[in-house]
Protein backbone atom coordinates (compact mmCIF):
# COMPACT_ATOMS: atom_id res chain seq x y z
CA UNK A 1 0.11 -0.10 0.21
CA UNK A 2 1.06 3.59 -0.81
CA UNK A 3 2.49 6.09 1.89
CA UNK A 4 -0.60 8.31 0.58
CA UNK A 5 -3.28 5.52 0.76
CA UNK A 6 -2.37 4.65 4.63
CA UNK A 7 -5.20 6.32 6.89
CA UNK A 8 -4.33 8.44 9.92
CA UNK A 9 -5.45 6.24 13.16
CA UNK A 10 -6.72 8.06 15.73
CA UNK A 11 -6.94 5.93 19.37
CA UNK A 12 -9.64 6.74 21.52
CA UNK A 13 -12.71 8.18 20.94
CA UNK A 14 -13.63 10.31 23.55
CA UNK A 15 -14.06 14.10 23.18
CA UNK A 16 -10.41 15.06 21.84
CA UNK A 17 -10.35 11.70 19.50
CA UNK A 18 -13.64 12.16 17.90
CA UNK A 19 -12.71 16.01 17.37
CA UNK A 20 -9.18 14.74 16.12
CA UNK A 21 -10.69 12.15 13.74
CA UNK A 22 -13.19 14.89 12.21
CA UNK A 23 -10.60 17.56 11.52
CA UNK A 24 -8.21 15.10 9.95
CA UNK A 25 -10.93 13.97 7.90
CA UNK A 26 -12.58 17.35 6.82
CA UNK A 27 -8.79 17.60 5.25
CA UNK A 28 -9.90 15.01 3.06
CA UNK A 29 -8.10 12.37 4.70
CA UNK A 30 -8.47 8.51 5.07
CA UNK A 31 -8.97 8.16 9.08
CA UNK A 32 -9.62 5.10 11.07
CA UNK A 33 -10.71 5.83 14.33
CA UNK A 34 -10.34 3.15 17.20
CA UNK A 35 -11.86 2.47 20.48
CA UNK A 36 -11.97 -0.07 22.91
CA UNK A 37 -15.36 0.59 24.63
CA UNK A 38 -18.57 -0.56 22.73
CA UNK A 39 -19.73 2.91 22.32
CA UNK A 40 -17.28 5.58 22.68
CA UNK A 41 -17.65 9.22 24.39
CA UNK A 42 -18.41 7.76 27.63
CA UNK A 43 -17.11 10.72 29.21
CA UNK A 44 -19.10 13.54 27.76
CA UNK A 45 -22.48 10.96 28.39
CA UNK A 46 -21.80 10.97 32.01
CA UNK A 47 -20.63 14.72 32.09
CA UNK A 48 -22.69 17.42 34.10
CA UNK A 49 -24.85 14.90 35.38
CA UNK A 50 -25.97 13.55 31.82
CA UNK A 51 -26.34 16.78 30.44
CA UNK A 52 -22.40 17.86 29.49
CA UNK A 53 -20.95 20.82 30.26
CA UNK A 54 -19.74 21.28 26.59
CA UNK A 55 -17.86 24.90 27.26
CA UNK A 56 -17.45 27.29 29.79
CA UNK A 57 -18.98 30.72 29.32
CA UNK A 58 -15.64 32.07 30.13
CA UNK A 59 -12.07 30.53 29.51
CA UNK A 60 -10.16 30.96 32.18
CA UNK A 61 -6.25 29.67 31.03
CA UNK A 62 -4.87 30.92 34.56
CA UNK A 63 -6.77 28.28 36.37
CA UNK A 64 -5.25 25.25 34.46
CA UNK A 65 -2.63 23.32 36.52
CA UNK A 66 0.12 21.66 34.36
CA UNK A 67 3.92 20.72 35.75
CA UNK A 68 5.01 22.07 32.15
CA UNK A 69 5.10 25.50 30.76
CA UNK A 70 2.10 27.67 31.39
CA UNK A 71 2.68 29.48 28.49
CA UNK A 72 2.66 26.26 26.20
CA UNK A 73 -0.22 25.38 27.76
CA UNK A 74 -2.21 28.87 26.87
CA UNK A 75 -1.02 28.41 23.66
CA UNK A 76 -2.53 25.23 23.46
CA UNK A 77 -6.09 26.13 25.11
CA UNK A 78 -6.31 29.18 23.02
CA UNK A 79 -5.44 28.02 19.60
CA UNK A 80 -9.31 27.61 19.24
CA UNK A 81 -10.82 30.81 20.10
CA UNK A 82 -13.62 29.94 22.43
CA UNK A 83 -16.27 31.78 20.51
CA UNK A 84 -15.56 29.29 17.34
CA UNK A 85 -15.91 26.49 19.69
CA UNK A 86 -18.97 27.58 20.33
CA UNK A 87 -20.01 28.42 16.84
CA UNK A 88 -18.69 24.95 15.68
CA UNK A 89 -20.99 22.79 17.94
CA UNK A 90 -24.25 25.12 17.13
CA UNK A 91 -23.40 26.21 13.53
CA UNK A 92 -21.51 22.88 12.71
CA UNK A 93 -22.99 20.28 14.80
CA UNK A 94 -26.25 21.74 14.97
CA UNK A 95 -26.29 21.58 18.88
CA UNK A 96 -27.48 24.88 20.27
CA UNK A 97 -25.77 25.52 23.78
CA UNK A 98 -27.74 27.77 26.74
CA UNK A 99 -26.06 29.38 29.19
CA UNK A 100 -26.51 28.32 32.76
CA UNK A 101 -26.43 31.46 34.58
CA UNK A 102 -25.76 30.52 38.02
CA UNK A 103 -22.92 28.42 37.44
CA UNK A 104 -21.32 30.09 34.24
CA UNK A 105 -21.80 26.37 32.28
CA UNK A 106 -22.85 26.04 28.68
CA UNK A 107 -25.22 22.71 28.19
CA UNK A 108 -27.04 22.00 24.86
CA UNK A 109 -30.72 23.27 25.26
CA UNK A 110 -31.97 19.59 25.40
CA UNK A 111 -29.84 18.78 28.43
CA UNK A 112 -28.75 15.78 26.63
CA UNK A 113 -25.19 14.84 26.69
CA UNK A 114 -26.34 11.92 24.37
CA UNK A 115 -26.73 14.50 21.83
CA UNK A 116 -23.33 15.82 22.31
CA UNK A 117 -21.73 12.66 21.95
CA UNK A 118 -24.12 11.47 18.96
CA UNK A 119 -23.43 14.09 17.16
CA UNK A 120 -19.78 13.99 16.98
CA UNK A 121 -20.05 10.26 16.19
CA UNK A 122 -22.60 11.21 13.00
CA UNK A 123 -20.04 13.83 12.19
CA UNK A 124 -17.61 11.65 12.12
CA UNK A 125 -18.92 9.36 10.07
CA UNK A 126 -20.59 11.74 7.53
CA UNK A 127 -17.29 13.25 6.88
CA UNK A 128 -15.60 9.71 6.19
CA UNK A 129 -14.20 8.33 9.49
CA UNK A 130 -14.02 4.46 9.86
CA UNK A 131 -14.87 3.77 13.52
CA UNK A 132 -14.54 0.88 14.82
CA UNK A 133 -15.25 0.09 18.19
CA UNK A 134 -14.29 -2.75 20.90
CA UNK A 135 -10.63 -2.32 19.66
CA UNK A 136 -7.90 -2.59 22.58
CA UNK A 137 -4.71 -0.57 21.05
CA UNK A 138 -1.55 -2.43 22.56
CA UNK A 139 1.44 -1.06 20.95
CA UNK A 140 2.64 1.66 18.75
CA UNK A 141 5.98 1.24 16.75
CA UNK A 142 7.76 3.22 13.64
CA UNK A 143 8.76 1.85 11.10
CA UNK A 144 9.47 2.37 7.22
CA UNK A 145 8.32 6.20 7.61
CA UNK A 146 4.59 5.48 8.99
CA UNK A 147 3.61 3.54 11.96
CA UNK A 148 2.26 0.15 12.75
CA UNK A 149 -1.03 -0.06 15.18
CA UNK A 150 -1.02 -3.21 17.34
CA UNK A 151 -4.30 -4.58 18.44
CA UNK A 152 -5.31 -7.12 21.53
CA UNK A 153 -6.99 -9.04 18.55
CA UNK A 154 -6.73 -8.73 14.95
CA UNK A 155 -4.23 -7.82 11.98
CA UNK A 156 -2.14 -4.76 12.68
CA UNK A 157 -2.92 -1.85 11.15
CA UNK A 158 -0.36 0.27 9.04
CA UNK A 159 -0.86 3.94 9.52
CA UNK A 160 0.54 7.18 7.83
CA UNK A 161 0.30 8.80 11.15
CA UNK A 162 -1.11 8.04 14.85
CA UNK A 163 -3.20 10.28 16.85
CA UNK A 164 -2.80 8.97 20.42
CA UNK A 165 -6.41 10.11 22.77
CA UNK A 166 -6.68 7.78 24.56
CA UNK A 167 -7.14 9.73 27.81
CA UNK A 168 -5.17 9.24 31.03
CA UNK A 169 -6.60 7.11 34.04
CA UNK A 170 -9.51 9.09 35.73
CA UNK A 171 -12.82 6.95 36.13
CA UNK A 172 -11.80 3.49 34.65
CA UNK A 173 -15.01 2.33 33.48
CA UNK A 174 -15.27 4.59 31.12
CA UNK A 175 -11.72 2.91 29.46
CA UNK A 176 -9.26 5.16 30.76
CA UNK A 177 -6.77 2.26 31.06
CA UNK A 178 -4.00 4.37 31.37
CA UNK A 179 -2.86 2.00 28.57
CA UNK A 180 -1.48 5.23 26.33
CA UNK A 181 0.48 6.59 29.03
CA UNK A 182 2.96 3.22 28.80
CA UNK A 183 2.91 3.18 25.26
CA UNK A 184 4.35 7.08 25.14
CA UNK A 185 6.62 5.99 27.96
CA UNK A 186 8.19 3.27 25.90
CA UNK A 187 8.63 5.75 23.23
CA UNK A 188 10.69 7.72 25.24
CA UNK A 189 8.38 10.58 26.33
CA UNK A 190 8.95 12.41 29.57
CA UNK A 191 5.42 11.77 31.39
CA UNK A 192 4.88 13.99 34.99
CA UNK A 193 3.51 11.93 37.81
CA UNK A 194 -0.12 11.61 37.30
CA UNK A 195 -2.38 11.57 40.23
CA UNK A 196 -6.44 11.78 40.58
CA UNK A 197 -7.26 15.52 39.66
CA UNK A 198 -10.92 16.86 40.60
CA UNK A 199 -11.47 14.07 43.22
CA UNK A 200 -14.13 13.95 46.05
CA UNK A 201 -11.82 14.39 49.67
CA UNK A 202 -12.53 11.79 52.54
CA UNK A 203 -12.60 11.47 56.17
CA UNK A 204 -12.12 8.81 58.57
CA UNK A 205 -13.38 9.28 60.76
CA UNK A 206 -16.23 11.42 59.28
CA UNK A 207 -16.76 14.28 61.31
CA UNK A 208 -20.04 15.24 59.47
CA UNK A 209 -21.18 11.73 58.49
CA UNK A 210 -24.63 13.00 60.04
CA UNK A 211 -24.85 15.62 57.25
CA UNK A 212 -24.78 13.29 53.83
CA UNK A 213 -26.54 15.04 51.48
CA UNK A 214 -26.67 18.71 52.82
CA UNK A 215 -25.47 21.38 49.97
CA UNK A 216 -24.46 25.01 50.17
CA UNK A 217 -22.39 27.69 47.96
CA UNK A 218 -18.85 28.08 49.91
CA UNK A 219 -15.36 29.40 49.40
CA UNK A 220 -12.23 27.08 50.02
CA UNK A 221 -8.85 28.72 50.32
CA UNK A 222 -5.80 26.58 50.24
CA UNK A 223 -3.05 28.01 51.37
CA UNK A 224 0.21 27.35 49.74
CA UNK A 225 3.88 28.36 49.51
CA UNK A 226 3.85 30.47 46.55
CA UNK A 227 -0.18 31.38 46.13
CA UNK A 228 -3.61 30.43 47.59
CA UNK A 229 -5.85 29.00 45.68
CA UNK A 230 -9.32 30.28 46.06
CA UNK A 231 -12.61 28.34 44.99
CA UNK A 232 -16.07 29.02 44.93
CA UNK A 233 -19.15 26.72 44.28
CA UNK A 234 -21.35 24.04 45.39
CA UNK A 235 -19.73 21.93 48.24
CA UNK A 236 -21.78 18.61 49.21
CA UNK A 237 -21.35 16.50 52.37
CA UNK A 238 -20.96 12.95 51.30
CA UNK A 239 -20.91 9.89 53.24
CA UNK A 240 -17.72 9.14 52.52
CA UNK A 241 -16.41 12.80 52.79
CA UNK A 242 -16.83 16.01 50.67
CA UNK A 243 -17.41 16.93 47.40
CA UNK A 244 -19.12 19.58 45.08
CA UNK A 245 -17.31 21.83 42.62
CA UNK A 246 -15.83 23.81 45.48
CA UNK A 247 -13.81 20.70 46.77
CA UNK A 248 -12.90 19.42 43.56
CA UNK A 249 -11.37 22.69 42.05
CA UNK A 250 -8.68 22.34 45.50
CA UNK A 251 -8.34 18.30 45.67
CA UNK A 252 -5.57 18.36 43.76
CA UNK A 253 -3.74 20.43 46.53
CA UNK A 254 -4.48 17.60 48.88
CA UNK A 255 -3.74 14.90 46.79
CA UNK A 256 -0.29 16.40 46.13
CA UNK A 257 0.68 16.79 49.56
CA UNK A 258 -0.54 13.32 50.53
CA UNK A 259 1.64 11.94 48.32
CA UNK A 260 4.52 14.54 49.23
CA UNK A 261 4.60 13.08 52.79
CA UNK A 262 4.43 15.99 54.55
CA UNK A 263 1.69 18.15 56.21
CA UNK A 264 -1.68 17.67 54.82
CA UNK A 265 -2.87 20.57 52.50
CA UNK A 266 -4.93 23.00 54.95
CA UNK A 267 -8.33 23.69 53.88
CA UNK A 268 -9.90 26.65 55.02
CA UNK A 269 -14.19 27.00 54.53
CA UNK A 270 -15.81 30.15 54.68
CA UNK A 271 -19.37 28.69 54.98
CA UNK A 272 -21.24 32.30 53.46
CA UNK A 273 -20.79 35.11 51.84
CA UNK A 274 -20.06 36.90 54.91
CA UNK A 275 -16.64 37.40 56.04
CA UNK A 276 -15.41 37.94 59.67
CA UNK A 277 -15.99 41.88 60.05
CA UNK A 278 -19.92 41.06 59.53
CA UNK A 279 -20.09 37.79 61.25
CA UNK A 280 -18.48 39.55 64.39
CA UNK A 281 -20.76 42.72 63.91
CA UNK A 282 -24.19 40.25 63.65
CA UNK A 283 -22.94 38.33 66.72
CA UNK A 284 -22.55 41.17 68.49
CA UNK A 285 -25.38 43.27 67.50
CA UNK A 286 -28.27 40.91 66.12
CA UNK A 287 -31.09 39.76 68.81
CA UNK A 288 -31.85 35.82 69.25
CA UNK A 289 -29.78 32.34 70.02
CA UNK A 290 -26.96 31.75 68.48
CA UNK A 291 -28.59 28.27 66.49
CA UNK A 292 -31.35 31.40 65.40
CA UNK A 293 -29.13 33.30 64.06
CA UNK A 294 -27.00 30.79 62.58
CA UNK A 295 -30.25 29.01 60.75
CA UNK A 296 -31.10 31.92 59.56
CA UNK A 297 -28.32 31.77 57.31
CA UNK A 298 -27.09 28.05 56.79
CA UNK A 299 -28.48 24.69 56.78
CA UNK A 300 -29.77 23.67 60.15
CA UNK A 301 -28.12 20.72 60.57
CA UNK A 302 -24.49 22.52 59.46
CA UNK A 303 -25.52 25.37 62.06
CA UNK A 304 -25.99 23.05 64.84
CA UNK A 305 -22.39 21.27 63.90
CA UNK A 306 -20.43 24.41 63.40
CA UNK A 307 -21.84 25.50 66.97
CA UNK A 308 -20.38 22.38 68.45
CA UNK A 309 -17.00 22.83 66.70
CA UNK A 310 -16.97 26.26 68.42
CA UNK A 311 -17.70 24.82 71.28
CA UNK A 312 -20.74 27.51 71.76
CA UNK A 313 -24.48 26.33 73.07
CA UNK A 314 -26.93 27.04 70.30
CA UNK A 315 -29.17 28.26 72.64
CA UNK A 316 -26.41 31.04 74.10
CA UNK A 317 -28.05 34.56 73.17
CA UNK A 318 -26.00 37.63 71.95
CA UNK A 319 -25.92 39.20 75.48
CA UNK A 320 -24.40 35.90 76.95
CA UNK A 321 -22.10 35.29 74.36
CA UNK A 322 -18.36 35.68 75.76
CA UNK A 323 -16.04 37.82 73.47
CA UNK A 324 -13.71 34.66 73.48
CA UNK A 325 -16.53 32.53 72.42
CA UNK A 326 -17.65 34.96 69.34
CA UNK A 327 -14.21 35.43 68.45
CA UNK A 328 -13.76 31.50 68.13
CA UNK A 329 -17.42 31.13 66.50
CA UNK A 330 -16.42 33.81 63.76
CA UNK A 331 -13.28 31.90 63.10
CA UNK A 332 -15.58 28.64 62.27
CA UNK A 333 -17.64 30.80 60.32
CA UNK A 334 -15.14 32.20 57.91
CA UNK A 335 -12.26 30.08 58.10
CA UNK A 336 -12.83 26.64 59.38
CA UNK A 337 -10.06 24.11 58.93
CA UNK A 338 -11.68 21.03 57.26
CA UNK A 339 -10.83 17.53 58.50
CA UNK A 340 -9.91 15.34 55.68
CA UNK A 341 -8.08 12.51 55.49
CA UNK A 342 -7.57 11.19 51.78
CA UNK A 343 -9.89 10.89 48.67
CA UNK A 344 -11.70 8.97 46.56
CA UNK A 345 -8.68 8.72 43.68
CA UNK A 346 -9.34 7.92 40.06
CA UNK A 347 -12.32 6.08 40.35
CA UNK A 348 -14.23 9.42 41.24
CA UNK A 349 -11.85 11.66 39.72
CA UNK A 350 -13.10 13.95 36.49
CA UNK A 351 -9.40 13.95 35.34
CA UNK A 352 -6.25 12.97 35.40
CA UNK A 353 -3.00 15.62 36.90
CA UNK A 354 0.14 15.00 35.10
CA UNK A 355 1.06 13.75 31.71
CA UNK A 356 3.45 13.84 29.27
CA UNK A 357 5.32 16.97 29.43
CA UNK A 358 4.27 19.69 26.79
CA UNK A 359 7.70 21.09 25.89
CA UNK A 360 7.91 17.50 23.98
CA UNK A 361 4.77 18.28 21.87
CA UNK A 362 5.03 20.88 19.00
CA UNK A 363 2.25 23.36 20.37
CA UNK A 364 1.48 24.30 16.45
CA UNK A 365 0.37 20.75 15.72
CA UNK A 366 0.72 18.45 18.67
CA UNK A 367 3.14 16.23 17.18
CA UNK A 368 5.68 14.63 18.89
CA UNK A 369 9.07 16.01 18.61
CA UNK A 370 10.38 12.54 19.81
CA UNK A 371 8.28 10.57 17.47
CA UNK A 372 7.61 12.14 14.08
CA UNK A 373 4.15 11.14 12.90
CA UNK A 374 2.75 10.69 16.10
CA UNK A 375 0.60 13.03 17.87
CA UNK A 376 -0.92 13.94 21.23
CA UNK A 377 -4.28 15.42 22.63
CA UNK A 378 -6.56 15.50 25.19
CA UNK A 379 -5.86 14.26 29.36
CA UNK A 380 -2.63 12.41 28.06
CA UNK A 381 -1.21 15.71 28.02
CA UNK A 382 -0.06 17.28 31.32
CA UNK A 383 -2.84 19.95 31.74
CA UNK A 384 -6.50 20.45 33.32
CA UNK A 385 -8.66 22.69 34.48
CA UNK A 386 -11.43 23.49 36.75
CA UNK A 387 -15.08 21.79 36.74
CA UNK A 388 -17.27 23.99 34.44
CA UNK A 389 -16.02 22.53 30.93
CA UNK A 390 -12.88 24.04 30.91
CA UNK A 391 -11.53 20.37 30.40
CA UNK A 392 -13.65 19.51 27.35
CA UNK A 393 -12.25 23.11 25.80
CA UNK A 394 -9.00 21.22 26.37
CA UNK A 395 -9.90 17.99 24.80
CA UNK A 396 -11.81 20.06 21.72
CA UNK A 397 -8.67 22.56 21.02
CA UNK A 398 -5.82 19.82 21.30
CA UNK A 399 -8.29 17.38 19.11
CA UNK A 400 -8.90 19.99 16.80
CA UNK A 401 -4.97 20.92 16.18
CA UNK A 402 -3.87 17.53 16.51
CA UNK A 403 -6.44 16.44 13.55
CA UNK A 404 -5.49 18.78 11.33
CA UNK A 405 -1.38 18.59 12.30
CA UNK A 406 -1.52 15.34 11.35
CA UNK A 407 -3.98 15.64 7.83
CA UNK A 408 -1.39 18.34 7.06
CA UNK A 409 2.17 16.13 7.62
């Protein structure tokens, strides 16, 4: 078979893989998309509670995390402007998006993640992509100016180039088994230490087990030597510990502190929008019991638990509240040190932290600087963003760049 007729092989039919296949095929190239699951796009299907948070309303590159160059990350992320991404889904795919004001997220108007996954599948097939589900890739070998893709079953495929979009290690039930990371390590790539990111935290013993199901918006501060990380969003007490966007967005700092073996990362919670001065004034001036004052601004069970933490009886009135008790209660309400002991790992992690070093990738084409003809995109790379569509934006951008880069080679 001549080099011109060899296909571009895309490994992984997730967000990045579908996008890479579509853009490679739109350049009139033959594309074969290989996926180990029976249907592909499983993270798309489960995202946003089955609604799929396609994009953030505003992309925030500064909130992304990488052990590689932040400037390279920013170039990759912005290679496909946010507005153009939205137009692609709405105009090219015919999936109108709507803004959820309270969260700043963009969802399909239908509120159906399946519409997004199926839309990508339909578009890929329409553009001529050959999709093969239930195929497990076991290895890649560069030879004779092309690549050989080995599989668990079947005859190896000769390819002009390969786009590796096999994901990381998060939510293994979706097909993310880390095989792609093993393959690139074998090819000589630097893989920065991987770890579960955007994952729920656990507490043992669970001081707040009785609060399971209680949720509210909070602000969490994770102090650091260089800079503090501040997140605001939903907080959920679970039967194991804590979840919700505010927790997930700081969880990587907790995970990394455990792995480093030093002091555990402090997480300081402000339970309402009120700061220390405002709470101090309320506790000094407002009539009623402490429980009544807190219940007016917090879920009842949480108010009771926080009073217990502060060592203040709920029946205490303003006139009975001692100064030292007021100071301690104010601290509990505005800088509460959250007790945590672990995390739920890759099983519940939204994404994988770490991955292939970005300086080993050409930021214009996503081609490996070590292995010509190999392109990398999506979660396999060393970058992740906060909850709210940022990681899909990363997948769309890097997938598109890899597809176009492979097609132009």
